[in-house]
Amino acid sequence: MSRIHAVVIASIVALAVVIGGVALGRSSGGGSARGATVSADALATRSAQLDALEASLERQLAAAPPARPAATVRYVRAQSAAVSAPRHGDDDGHGEHHDEED
């Protein structure tokens, strides 16, 4: 590998590391809490809404009919007719291994 190829590959890898670091810093917030603050009233309201939704779902689950048992599948193999294939020398009666002369 020539020296110029090594420099180009090293530069591409370094650029990928820098871009990955910037993306990681932006997605994780860089360790700082930059999120919007939520008031206690809004938090209590949302919690009450979620509690009501949970109660509604529990009522629907209790009113639902019980689950049916899973159907069992029984496989029955069809009986096949016994078929034998002719073997070498058995199909015409004239094989190489016969001792009698014709």
C-alpha atoms as a PDB file:
ATOM      1  CA  MET A   1       0.000   0.000   0.000  1.00  0.00           C
ATOM      2  CA  SER A   2       1.451   3.346  -0.917  1.00  0.00           C
ATOM      3  CA  ARG A   3       1.918   6.127   1.600  1.00  0.00           C
ATOM      4  CA  ILE A   4      -0.799   8.296   0.018  1.00  0.00           C
ATOM      5  CA  HIS A   5      -3.361   5.504   0.357  1.00  0.00           C
ATOM      6  CA  ALA A   6      -2.536   5.098   4.033  1.00  0.00           C
ATOM      7  CA  VAL A   7      -2.944   8.842   4.614  1.00  0.00           C
ATOM      8  CA  VAL A   8      -6.293   8.918   2.809  1.00  0.00           C
ATOM      9  CA  ILE A   9      -7.640   5.932   4.777  1.00  0.00           C
ATOM     10  CA  ALA A  10      -6.412   7.370   8.080  1.00  0.00           C
ATOM     11  CA  SER A  11      -8.052  10.708   7.266  1.00  0.00           C
ATOM     12  CA  ILE A  12     -11.383   9.033   6.460  1.00  0.00           C
ATOM     13  CA  VAL A  13     -11.281   7.053   9.711  1.00  0.00           C
ATOM     14  CA  ALA A  14     -10.414  10.179  11.715  1.00  0.00           C
ATOM     15  CA  LEU A  15     -13.276  12.106  10.100  1.00  0.00           C
ATOM     16  CA  ALA A  16     -15.698   9.275  10.930  1.00  0.00           C
ATOM     17  CA  VAL A  17     -14.562   9.331  14.567  1.00  0.00           C
ATOM     18  CA  VAL A  18     -15.078  13.095  14.808  1.00  0.00           C
ATOM     19  CA  ILE A  19     -18.543  12.929  13.208  1.00  0.00           C
ATOM     20  CA  GLY A  20     -19.507  10.041  15.503  1.00  0.00           C
ATOM     21  CA  GLY A  21     -18.359  11.980  18.564  1.00  0.00           C
ATOM     22  CA  VAL A  22     -20.365  15.048  17.565  1.00  0.00           C
ATOM     23  CA  ALA A  23     -23.474  12.930  16.944  1.00  0.00           C
ATOM     24  CA  LEU A  24     -23.056  11.203  20.296  1.00  0.00           C
ATOM     25  CA  GLY A  25     -22.701  14.533  22.052  1.00  0.00           C
ATOM     26  CA  ARG A  26     -25.842  15.906  20.450  1.00  0.00           C
ATOM     27  CA  SER A  27     -27.989  12.828  21.053  1.00  0.00           C
ATOM     28  CA  SER A  28     -27.013  12.344  24.686  1.00  0.00           C
ATOM     29  CA  GLY A  29     -27.176  16.022  25.527  1.00  0.00           C
ATOM     30  CA  GLY A  30     -23.545  16.114  26.516  1.00  0.00           C
ATOM     31  CA  GLY A  31     -24.369  15.408  30.146  1.00  0.00           C
ATOM     32  CA  SER A  32     -26.270  18.649  30.657  1.00  0.00           C
ATOM     33  CA  ALA A  33     -29.960  18.914  31.463  1.00  0.00           C
ATOM     34  CA  ARG A  34     -31.186  21.214  28.711  1.00  0.00           C
ATOM     35  CA  GLY A  35     -34.773  19.882  28.723  1.00  0.00           C
ATOM     36  CA  ALA A  36     -37.778  22.076  29.396  1.00  0.00           C
ATOM     37  CA  THR A  37     -39.006  22.206  32.972  1.00  0.00           C
ATOM     38  CA  VAL A  38     -42.452  20.837  33.762  1.00  0.00           C
ATOM     39  CA  SER A  39     -44.639  22.291  36.449  1.00  0.00           C
ATOM     40  CA  ALA A  40     -45.924  20.110  39.258  1.00  0.00           C
ATOM     41  CA  ASP A  41     -49.528  20.814  38.181  1.00  0.00           C
ATOM     42  CA  ALA A  42     -48.883  19.576  34.642  1.00  0.00           C
ATOM     43  CA  LEU A  43     -47.134  16.512  36.001  1.00  0.00           C
ATOM     44  CA  ALA A  44     -50.032  15.738  38.365  1.00  0.00           C
ATOM     45  CA  THR A  45     -52.572  16.220  35.543  1.00  0.00           C
ATOM     46  CA  ARG A  46     -50.685  13.883  33.225  1.00  0.00           C
ATOM     47  CA  SER A  47     -50.315  11.303  35.990  1.00  0.00           C
ATOM     48  CA  ALA A  48     -54.082  11.415  36.637  1.00  0.00           C
ATOM     49  CA  GLN A  49     -54.766  10.943  32.904  1.00  0.00           C
ATOM     50  CA  LEU A  50     -52.465   7.931  32.793  1.00  0.00           C
ATOM     51  CA  ASP A  51     -54.115   6.451  35.894  1.00  0.00           C
ATOM     52  CA  ALA A  52     -57.544   6.828  34.272  1.00  0.00           C
ATOM     53  CA  LEU A  53     -56.272   5.182  31.088  1.00  0.00           C
ATOM     54  CA  GLU A  54     -54.818   2.302  33.103  1.00  0.00           C
ATOM     55  CA  ALA A  55     -58.135   1.785  34.906  1.00  0.00           C
ATOM     56  CA  SER A  56     -59.975   1.823  31.567  1.00  0.00           C
ATOM     57  CA  LEU A  57     -57.655  -0.817  30.141  1.00  0.00           C
ATOM     58  CA  GLU A  58     -58.047  -3.010  33.217  1.00  0.00           C
ATOM     59  CA  ARG A  59     -61.863  -2.808  32.887  1.00  0.00           C
ATOM     60  CA  GLN A  60     -61.653  -3.793  29.215  1.00  0.00           C
ATOM     61  CA  LEU A  61     -59.394  -6.703  30.061  1.00  0.00           C
ATOM     62  CA  ALA A  62     -61.771  -7.920  32.757  1.00  0.00           C
ATOM     63  CA  ALA A  63     -64.761  -7.662  30.372  1.00  0.00           C
ATOM     64  CA  ALA A  64     -63.021  -9.528  27.544  1.00  0.00           C
ATOM     65  CA  PRO A  65     -63.987 -13.157  27.048  1.00  0.00           C
ATOM     66  CA  PRO A  66     -61.425 -15.694  28.205  1.00  0.00           C
ATOM     67  CA  ALA A  67     -58.877 -16.755  25.666  1.00  0.00           C
ATOM     68  CA  ARG A  68     -59.691 -19.922  23.779  1.00  0.00           C
ATOM     69  CA  PRO A  69     -57.321 -22.810  24.227  1.00  0.00           C
ATOM     70  CA  ALA A  70     -54.913 -23.288  21.378  1.00  0.00           C
ATOM     71  CA  ALA A  71     -56.051 -25.751  18.768  1.00  0.00           C
ATOM     72  CA  THR A  72     -53.935 -28.845  18.530  1.00  0.00           C
ATOM     73  CA  VAL A  73     -52.766 -29.950  15.137  1.00  0.00           C
ATOM     74  CA  ARG A  74     -52.671 -33.655  14.479  1.00  0.00           C
ATOM     75  CA  TYR A  75     -50.687 -34.744  11.459  1.00  0.00           C
ATOM     76  CA  VAL A  76     -51.652 -38.069   9.949  1.00  0.00           C
ATOM     77  CA  ARG A  77     -49.310 -39.331   7.304  1.00  0.00           C
ATOM     78  CA  ALA A  78     -51.020 -40.838   4.277  1.00  0.00           C
ATOM     79  CA  GLN A  79     -50.229 -44.469   3.605  1.00  0.00           C
ATOM     80  CA  SER A  80     -48.224 -44.796   0.456  1.00  0.00           C
ATOM     81  CA  ALA A  81     -48.299 -47.745  -1.874  1.00  0.00           C
ATOM     82  CA  ALA A  82     -45.210 -49.935  -1.753  1.00  0.00           C
ATOM     83  CA  VAL A  83     -43.333 -49.340  -4.976  1.00  0.00           C
ATOM     84  CA  SER A  84     -40.014 -50.954  -5.696  1.00  0.00           C
ATOM     85  CA  ALA A  85     -37.707 -49.575  -8.296  1.00  0.00           C
ATOM     86  CA  PRO A  86     -35.966 -52.000 -10.627  1.00  0.00           C
ATOM     87  CA  ARG A  87     -32.369 -52.625  -9.729  1.00  0.00           C
ATOM     88  CA  HIS A  88     -29.487 -52.882 -12.126  1.00  0.00           C
ATOM     89  CA  GLY A  89     -29.784 -56.090 -14.066  1.00  0.00           C
ATOM     90  CA  ASP A  90     -33.254 -56.944 -12.779  1.00  0.00           C
ATOM     91  CA  ASP A  91     -35.274 -54.991 -15.318  1.00  0.00           C
ATOM     92  CA  ASP A  92     -34.810 -57.136 -18.433  1.00  0.00           C
ATOM     93  CA  GLY A  93     -33.608 -60.450 -17.094  1.00  0.00           C
ATOM     94  CA  HIS A  94     -30.312 -60.242 -18.997  1.00  0.00           C
ATOM     95  CA  GLY A  95     -27.665 -59.067 -16.624  1.00  0.00           C
ATOM     96  CA  GLU A  96     -23.932 -59.135 -16.747  1.00  0.00           C
ATOM     97  CA  HIS A  97     -23.690 -61.432 -13.755  1.00  0.00           C
ATOM     98  CA  HIS A  98     -25.642 -64.421 -15.135  1.00  0.00           C
ATOM     99  CA  ASP A  99     -23.652 -67.603 -15.438  1.00  0.00           C
ATOM    100  CA  GLU A 100     -25.929 -69.304 -17.954  1.00  0.00           C
ATOM    101  CA  GLU A 101     -25.392 -68.882 -21.662  1.00  0.00           C
ATOM    102  CA  ASP A 102     -28.128 -67.810 -24.098  1.00  0.00           C
END
